[in-house]
């Protein structure tokens, strides 16, 4: 019986890593955090992004989702 390969849809590449001392602006960091948060969502207590990308059973929030939440909390102005 042939084994059917599992296909994972490609992730959106919106994050740009700083190179040679470049710094990310708040807007760029916020965009990266939104992209990470959408990929590293909760699926039955497990991080869906970690499971899909690395086959890693990481509890949600994983370090990436935690970072994204902290960035978004800092970037969101309080009233």
PDB file of N, CA and C in Angstrom:
ATOM      1  N   UNK A   1       0.838  -1.171   0.000  1.00  0.00           N
ATOM      2  CA  UNK A   1       0.000   0.000   0.000  1.00  0.00           C
ATOM      3  C   UNK A   1       0.893   1.249   0.000  1.00  0.00           C
ATOM      4  N   UNK A   2       0.765   2.114  -1.006  1.00  0.00           N
ATOM      5  CA  UNK A   2       1.610   3.311  -1.058  1.00  0.00           C
ATOM      6  C   UNK A   2       1.235   4.296   0.050  1.00  0.00           C
ATOM      7  N   UNK A   3       2.242   4.985   0.543  1.00  0.00           N
ATOM      8  CA  UNK A   3       2.048   5.989   1.587  1.00  0.00           C
ATOM      9  C   UNK A   3       1.818   7.331   0.929  1.00  0.00           C
ATOM     10  N   UNK A   4       0.766   8.003   1.341  1.00  0.00           N
ATOM     11  CA  UNK A   4       0.427   9.305   0.787  1.00  0.00           C
ATOM     12  C   UNK A   4       1.233  10.385   1.514  1.00  0.00           C
ATOM     13  N   UNK A   5       2.009  11.205   0.796  1.00  0.00           N
ATOM     14  CA  UNK A   5       2.783  12.248   1.464  1.00  0.00           C
ATOM     15  C   UNK A   5       1.868  13.339   2.027  1.00  0.00           C
ATOM     16  N   UNK A   6       2.265  13.871   3.150  1.00  0.00           N
ATOM     17  CA  UNK A   6       1.522  14.960   3.774  1.00  0.00           C
ATOM     18  C   UNK A   6       2.054  16.273   3.218  1.00  0.00           C
ATOM     19  N   UNK A   7       1.159  17.099   2.739  1.00  0.00           N
ATOM     20  CA  UNK A   7       1.579  18.398   2.221  1.00  0.00           C
ATOM     21  C   UNK A   7       1.129  19.489   3.174  1.00  0.00           C
ATOM     22  N   UNK A   8       2.027  20.389   3.451  1.00  0.00           N
ATOM     23  CA  UNK A   8       1.754  21.519   4.328  1.00  0.00           C
ATOM     24  C   UNK A   8       1.782  22.767   3.461  1.00  0.00           C
ATOM     25  N   UNK A   9       0.758  23.609   3.542  1.00  0.00           N
ATOM     26  CA  UNK A   9       0.771  24.816   2.720  1.00  0.00           C
ATOM     27  C   UNK A   9       1.933  25.719   3.113  1.00  0.00           C
ATOM     28  N   UNK A  10       2.530  26.422   2.159  1.00  0.00           N
ATOM     29  CA  UNK A  10       3.650  27.306   2.489  1.00  0.00           C
ATOM     30  C   UNK A  10       3.190  28.450   3.387  1.00  0.00           C
ATOM     31  N   UNK A  11       4.071  28.850   4.259  1.00  0.00           N
ATOM     32  CA  UNK A  11       3.776  29.955   5.161  1.00  0.00           C
ATOM     33  C   UNK A  11       4.069  31.275   4.470  1.00  0.00           C
ATOM     34  N   UNK A  12       3.323  32.319   4.804  1.00  0.00           N
ATOM     35  CA  UNK A  12       3.607  33.619   4.203  1.00  0.00           C
ATOM     36  C   UNK A  12       4.960  34.129   4.689  1.00  0.00           C
ATOM     37  N   UNK A  13       5.773  34.584   3.758  1.00  0.00           N
ATOM     38  CA  UNK A  13       7.085  35.105   4.117  1.00  0.00           C
ATOM     39  C   UNK A  13       6.969  36.623   4.171  1.00  0.00           C
ATOM     40  N   UNK A  14       6.704  37.125   5.366  1.00  0.00           N
ATOM     41  CA  UNK A  14       6.581  38.568   5.529  1.00  0.00           C
ATOM     42  C   UNK A  14       7.621  39.117   6.485  1.00  0.00           C
ATOM     43  N   UNK A  15       8.292  38.220   7.209  1.00  0.00           N
ATOM     44  CA  UNK A  15       9.261  38.669   8.195  1.00  0.00           C
ATOM     45  C   UNK A  15      10.608  38.907   7.532  1.00  0.00           C
ATOM     46  N   UNK A  16      11.234  40.011   7.872  1.00  0.00           N
ATOM     47  CA  UNK A  16      12.553  40.335   7.352  1.00  0.00           C
ATOM     48  C   UNK A  16      13.490  40.451   8.546  1.00  0.00           C
ATOM     49  N   UNK A  17      14.524  39.661   8.536  1.00  0.00           N
ATOM     50  CA  UNK A  17      15.479  39.700   9.632  1.00  0.00           C
ATOM     51  C   UNK A  17      16.456  40.851   9.403  1.00  0.00           C
ATOM     52  N   UNK A  18      16.822  41.560  10.464  1.00  0.00           N
ATOM     53  CA  UNK A  18      17.798  42.645  10.302  1.00  0.00           C
ATOM     54  C   UNK A  18      19.180  42.078   9.990  1.00  0.00           C
ATOM     55  N   UNK A  19      19.895  42.721   9.093  1.00  0.00           N
ATOM     56  CA  UNK A  19      21.233  42.290   8.701  1.00  0.00           C
ATOM     57  C   UNK A  19      22.244  43.393   8.956  1.00  0.00           C
ATOM     58  N   UNK A  20      23.429  43.025   9.351  1.00  0.00           N
ATOM     59  CA  UNK A  20      24.550  43.955   9.503  1.00  0.00           C
ATOM     60  C   UNK A  20      24.193  45.210  10.290  1.00  0.00           C
ATOM     61  N   UNK A  21      23.582  45.025  11.441  1.00  0.00           N
ATOM     62  CA  UNK A  21      23.292  46.165  12.299  1.00  0.00           C
ATOM     63  C   UNK A  21      22.025  46.919  11.958  1.00  0.00           C
ATOM     64  N   UNK A  22      21.285  46.477  10.929  1.00  0.00           N
ATOM     65  CA  UNK A  22      20.015  47.129  10.632  1.00  0.00           C
ATOM     66  C   UNK A  22      19.065  46.902  11.802  1.00  0.00           C
ATOM     67  N   UNK A  23      18.168  47.815  11.998  1.00  0.00           N
ATOM     68  CA  UNK A  23      17.178  47.602  13.052  1.00  0.00           C
ATOM     69  C   UNK A  23      15.781  47.605  12.436  1.00  0.00           C
ATOM     70  N   UNK A  24      14.920  46.807  13.011  1.00  0.00           N
ATOM     71  CA  UNK A  24      13.536  46.768  12.548  1.00  0.00           C
ATOM     72  C   UNK A  24      12.775  47.941  13.145  1.00  0.00           C
ATOM     73  N   UNK A  25      11.880  48.497  12.370  1.00  0.00           N
ATOM     74  CA  UNK A  25      11.026  49.551  12.883  1.00  0.00           C
ATOM     75  C   UNK A  25       9.873  48.910  13.650  1.00  0.00           C
ATOM     76  N   UNK A  26       9.141  49.704  14.385  1.00  0.00           N
ATOM     77  CA  UNK A  26       7.988  49.200  15.125  1.00  0.00           C
ATOM     78  C   UNK A  26       6.972  48.599  14.167  1.00  0.00           C
ATOM     79  N   UNK A  27       6.796  49.210  13.020  1.00  0.00           N
ATOM     80  CA  UNK A  27       5.844  48.701  12.036  1.00  0.00           C
ATOM     81  C   UNK A  27       6.275  47.321  11.543  1.00  0.00           C
ATOM     82  N   UNK A  28       7.565  47.167  11.233  1.00  0.00           N
ATOM     83  CA  UNK A  28       8.052  45.874  10.761  1.00  0.00           C
ATOM     84  C   UNK A  28       7.906  44.802  11.841  1.00  0.00           C
ATOM     85  N   UNK A  29       8.254  45.139  13.069  1.00  0.00           N
ATOM     86  CA  UNK A  29       8.120  44.186  14.165  1.00  0.00           C
ATOM     87  C   UNK A  29       6.663  43.808  14.380  1.00  0.00           C
ATOM     88  N   UNK A  30       5.770  44.781  14.270  1.00  0.00           N
ATOM     89  CA  UNK A  30       4.348  44.502  14.439  1.00  0.00           C
ATOM     90  C   UNK A  30       3.847  43.579  13.332  1.00  0.00           C
ATOM     91  N   UNK A  31       4.272  43.827  12.104  1.00  0.00           N
ATOM     92  CA  UNK A  31       3.878  42.954  10.986  1.00  0.00           C
ATOM     93  C   UNK A  31       4.378  41.534  11.209  1.00  0.00           C
ATOM     94  N   UNK A  32       5.621  41.395  11.677  1.00  0.00           N
ATOM     95  CA  UNK A  32       6.176  40.073  11.951  1.00  0.00           C
ATOM     96  C   UNK A  32       5.394  39.380  13.062  1.00  0.00           C
ATOM     97  N   UNK A  33       5.038  40.142  14.092  1.00  0.00           N
ATOM     98  CA  UNK A  33       4.298  39.569  15.220  1.00  0.00           C
ATOM     99  C   UNK A  33       2.914  39.097  14.783  1.00  0.00           C
ATOM    100  N   UNK A  34       2.249  39.867  13.940  1.00  0.00           N
ATOM    101  CA  UNK A  34       0.917  39.461  13.449  1.00  0.00           C
ATOM    102  C   UNK A  34       1.032  38.186  12.621  1.00  0.00           C
ATOM    103  N   UNK A  35       2.063  38.113  11.772  1.00  0.00           N
ATOM    104  CA  UNK A  35       2.260  36.911  10.952  1.00  0.00           C
ATOM    105  C   UNK A  35       2.555  35.701  11.834  1.00  0.00           C
ATOM    106  N   UNK A  36       3.418  35.872  12.825  1.00  0.00           N
ATOM    107  CA  UNK A  36       3.746  34.763  13.727  1.00  0.00           C
ATOM    108  C   UNK A  36       2.538  34.326  14.531  1.00  0.00           C
ATOM    109  N   UNK A  37       1.774  35.286  15.012  1.00  0.00           N
ATOM    110  CA  UNK A  37       0.606  34.942  15.822  1.00  0.00           C
ATOM    111  C   UNK A  37      -0.418  34.168  15.006  1.00  0.00           C
ATOM    112  N   UNK A  38      -0.556  34.500  13.726  1.00  0.00           N
ATOM    113  CA  UNK A  38      -1.529  33.788  12.899  1.00  0.00           C
ATOM    114  C   UNK A  38      -1.085  32.360  12.606  1.00  0.00           C
ATOM    115  N   UNK A  39       0.216  32.132  12.503  1.00  0.00           N
ATOM    116  CA  UNK A  39       0.728  30.792  12.214  1.00  0.00           C
ATOM    117  C   UNK A  39       0.809  29.955  13.489  1.00  0.00           C
ATOM    118  N   UNK A  40       1.276  30.553  14.573  1.00  0.00           N
ATOM    119  CA  UNK A  40       1.466  29.825  15.831  1.00  0.00           C
ATOM    120  C   UNK A  40       0.209  29.927  16.696  1.00  0.00           C
ATOM    121  N   UNK A  41      -0.904  29.469  16.146  1.00  0.00           N
ATOM    122  CA  UNK A  41      -2.186  29.490  16.842  1.00  0.00           C
ATOM    123  C   UNK A  41      -2.371  28.197  17.626  1.00  0.00           C
ATOM    124  N   UNK A  42      -3.317  28.224  18.546  1.00  0.00           N
ATOM    125  CA  UNK A  42      -3.572  27.056  19.389  1.00  0.00           C
ATOM    126  C   UNK A  42      -4.412  26.026  18.656  1.00  0.00           C
ATOM    127  N   UNK A  43      -4.012  24.771  18.779  1.00  0.00           N
ATOM    128  CA  UNK A  43      -4.780  23.648  18.232  1.00  0.00           C
ATOM    129  C   UNK A  43      -4.828  22.573  19.319  1.00  0.00           C
ATOM    130  N   UNK A  44      -5.903  22.534  20.060  1.00  0.00           N
ATOM    131  CA  UNK A  44      -6.078  21.554  21.146  1.00  0.00           C
ATOM    132  C   UNK A  44      -4.951  21.621  22.168  1.00  0.00           C
ATOM    133  N   UNK A  45      -4.537  22.837  22.525  1.00  0.00           N
ATOM    134  CA  UNK A  45      -3.499  23.024  23.529  1.00  0.00           C
ATOM    135  C   UNK A  45      -2.084  22.941  22.986  1.00  0.00           C
ATOM    136  N   UNK A  46      -1.940  22.609  21.713  1.00  0.00           N
ATOM    137  CA  UNK A  46      -0.635  22.486  21.067  1.00  0.00           C
ATOM    138  C   UNK A  46      -0.488  23.625  20.059  1.00  0.00           C
ATOM    139  N   UNK A  47       0.743  24.100  19.878  1.00  0.00           N
ATOM    140  CA  UNK A  47       1.000  25.161  18.900  1.00  0.00           C
ATOM    141  C   UNK A  47       0.928  24.567  17.487  1.00  0.00           C
ATOM    142  N   UNK A  48      -0.004  25.051  16.697  1.00  0.00           N
ATOM    143  CA  UNK A  48      -0.194  24.541  15.330  1.00  0.00           C
ATOM    144  C   UNK A  48       1.004  24.850  14.441  1.00  0.00           C
ATOM    145  N   UNK A  49       1.600  26.021  14.605  1.00  0.00           N
ATOM    146  CA  UNK A  49       2.757  26.395  13.781  1.00  0.00           C
ATOM    147  C   UNK A  49       3.956  25.504  14.040  1.00  0.00           C
ATOM    148  N   UNK A  50       4.247  25.236  15.307  1.00  0.00           N
ATOM    149  CA  UNK A  50       5.373  24.362  15.644  1.00  0.00           C
ATOM    150  C   UNK A  50       5.123  22.942  15.151  1.00  0.00           C
ATOM    151  N   UNK A  51       3.890  22.487  15.276  1.00  0.00           N
ATOM    152  CA  UNK A  51       3.545  21.139  14.831  1.00  0.00           C
ATOM    153  C   UNK A  51       3.656  21.025  13.317  1.00  0.00           C
ATOM    154  N   UNK A  52       3.142  22.007  12.591  1.00  0.00           N
ATOM    155  CA  UNK A  52       3.157  21.956  11.128  1.00  0.00           C
ATOM    156  C   UNK A  52       4.554  22.164  10.543  1.00  0.00           C
ATOM    157  N   UNK A  53       5.320  23.088  11.117  1.00  0.00           N
ATOM    158  CA  UNK A  53       6.618  23.413  10.530  1.00  0.00           C
ATOM    159  C   UNK A  53       7.727  22.474  10.969  1.00  0.00           C
ATOM    160  N   UNK A  54       7.732  22.079  12.246  1.00  0.00           N
ATOM    161  CA  UNK A  54       8.859  21.308  12.773  1.00  0.00           C
ATOM    162  C   UNK A  54       8.443  19.968  13.368  1.00  0.00           C
ATOM    163  N   UNK A  55       7.164  19.612  13.281  1.00  0.00           N
ATOM    164  CA  UNK A  55       6.648  18.388  13.911  1.00  0.00           C
ATOM    165  C   UNK A  55       7.005  18.371  15.392  1.00  0.00           C
ATOM    166  N   UNK A  56       6.946  19.542  16.010  1.00  0.00           N
ATOM    167  CA  UNK A  56       7.290  19.683  17.423  1.00  0.00           C
ATOM    168  C   UNK A  56       6.008  19.873  18.226  1.00  0.00           C
ATOM    169  N   UNK A  57       5.833  19.058  19.248  1.00  0.00           N
ATOM    170  CA  UNK A  57       4.677  19.186  20.120  1.00  0.00           C
ATOM    171  C   UNK A  57       4.994  20.205  21.204  1.00  0.00           C
ATOM    172  N   UNK A  58       4.752  21.449  20.901  1.00  0.00           N
ATOM    173  CA  UNK A  58       5.022  22.535  21.841  1.00  0.00           C
ATOM    174  C   UNK A  58       3.699  23.013  22.422  1.00  0.00           C
ATOM    175  N   UNK A  59       3.654  23.207  23.738  1.00  0.00           N
ATOM    176  CA  UNK A  59       2.419  23.735  24.315  1.00  0.00           C
ATOM    177  C   UNK A  59       2.201  25.177  23.856  1.00  0.00           C
ATOM    178  N   UNK A  60       0.944  25.540  23.736  1.00  0.00           N
ATOM    179  CA  UNK A  60       0.627  26.915  23.345  1.00  0.00           C
ATOM    180  C   UNK A  60       0.438  27.758  24.598  1.00  0.00           C
ATOM    181  N   UNK A  61       0.995  28.929  24.721  1.00  0.00           N
ATOM    182  CA  UNK A  61       1.791  29.635  23.719  1.00  0.00           C
ATOM    183  C   UNK A  61       3.235  29.147  23.700  1.00  0.00           C
ATOM    184  N   UNK A  62       3.760  28.931  22.497  1.00  0.00           N
ATOM    185  CA  UNK A  62       5.150  28.559  22.316  1.00  0.00           C
ATOM    186  C   UNK A  62       5.994  29.839  22.426  1.00  0.00           C
ATOM    187  N   UNK A  63       7.313  29.742  22.443  1.00  0.00           N
ATOM    188  CA  UNK A  63       8.140  30.955  22.541  1.00  0.00           C
ATOM    189  C   UNK A  63       7.861  31.968  21.429  1.00  0.00           C
ATOM    190  N   UNK A  64       7.593  31.503  20.212  1.00  0.00           N
ATOM    191  CA  UNK A  64       7.312  32.424  19.112  1.00  0.00           C
ATOM    192  C   UNK A  64       5.993  33.159  19.342  1.00  0.00           C
ATOM    193  N   UNK A  65       4.961  32.433  19.760  1.00  0.00           N
ATOM    194  CA  UNK A  65       3.661  33.065  20.023  1.00  0.00           C
ATOM    195  C   UNK A  65       3.759  34.011  21.210  1.00  0.00           C
ATOM    196  N   UNK A  66       4.532  33.634  22.216  1.00  0.00           N
ATOM    197  CA  UNK A  66       4.727  34.493  23.382  1.00  0.00           C
ATOM    198  C   UNK A  66       5.424  35.795  22.983  1.00  0.00           C
ATOM    199  N   UNK A  67       6.465  35.688  22.147  1.00  0.00           N
ATOM    200  CA  UNK A  67       7.169  36.881  21.672  1.00  0.00           C
ATOM    201  C   UNK A  67       6.219  37.785  20.883  1.00  0.00           C
ATOM    202  N   UNK A  68       5.430  37.173  19.996  1.00  0.00           N
ATOM    203  CA  UNK A  68       4.503  37.955  19.179  1.00  0.00           C
ATOM    204  C   UNK A  68       3.500  38.701  20.054  1.00  0.00           C
ATOM    205  N   UNK A  69       2.972  38.039  21.068  1.00  0.00           N
ATOM    206  CA  UNK A  69       2.015  38.699  21.970  1.00  0.00           C
ATOM    207  C   UNK A  69       2.659  39.864  22.712  1.00  0.00           C
ATOM    208  N   UNK A  70       3.895  39.671  23.184  1.00  0.00           N
ATOM    209  CA  UNK A  70       4.573  40.755  23.906  1.00  0.00           C
ATOM    210  C   UNK A  70       4.852  41.942  22.990  1.00  0.00           C
ATOM    211  N   UNK A  71       5.247  41.676  21.745  1.00  0.00           N
ATOM    212  CA  UNK A  71       5.493  42.761  20.793  1.00  0.00           C
ATOM    213  C   UNK A  71       4.204  43.520  20.528  1.00  0.00           C
ATOM    214  N   UNK A  72       3.112  42.795  20.315  1.00  0.00           N
ATOM    215  CA  UNK A  72       1.836  43.455  20.022  1.00  0.00           C
ATOM    216  C   UNK A  72       1.309  44.234  21.230  1.00  0.00           C
ATOM    217  N   UNK A  73       1.546  43.730  22.438  1.00  0.00           N
ATOM    218  CA  UNK A  73       1.137  44.470  23.626  1.00  0.00           C
ATOM    219  C   UNK A  73       1.923  45.775  23.750  1.00  0.00           C
ATOM    220  N   UNK A  74       3.206  45.736  23.438  1.00  0.00           N
ATOM    221  CA  UNK A  74       4.038  46.935  23.537  1.00  0.00           C
ATOM    222  C   UNK A  74       3.729  47.932  22.415  1.00  0.00           C
ATOM    223  N   UNK A  75       3.365  47.420  21.239  1.00  0.00           N
ATOM    224  CA  UNK A  75       3.119  48.285  20.095  1.00  0.00           C
ATOM    225  C   UNK A  75       1.736  48.910  20.103  1.00  0.00           C
ATOM    226  N   UNK A  76       0.809  48.330  20.875  1.00  0.00           N
ATOM    227  CA  UNK A  76      -0.547  48.833  20.917  1.00  0.00           C
ATOM    228  C   UNK A  76      -0.643  49.966  21.936  1.00  0.00           C
ATOM    229  N   UNK A  77      -1.032  51.151  21.490  1.00  0.00           N
ATOM    230  CA  UNK A  77      -1.149  52.263  22.431  1.00  0.00           C
ATOM    231  C   UNK A  77      -2.301  52.046  23.406  1.00  0.00           C
ATOM    232  N   UNK A  78      -2.088  52.421  24.638  1.00  0.00           N
ATOM    233  CA  UNK A  78      -3.155  52.326  25.647  1.00  0.00           C
ATOM    234  C   UNK A  78      -3.915  53.644  25.717  1.00  0.00           C
ATOM    235  N   UNK A  79      -5.179  53.561  25.996  1.00  0.00           N
ATOM    236  CA  UNK A  79      -5.983  54.779  26.048  1.00  0.00           C
ATOM    237  C   UNK A  79      -6.210  55.226  27.471  1.00  0.00           C
TER     238      UNK A  79
END
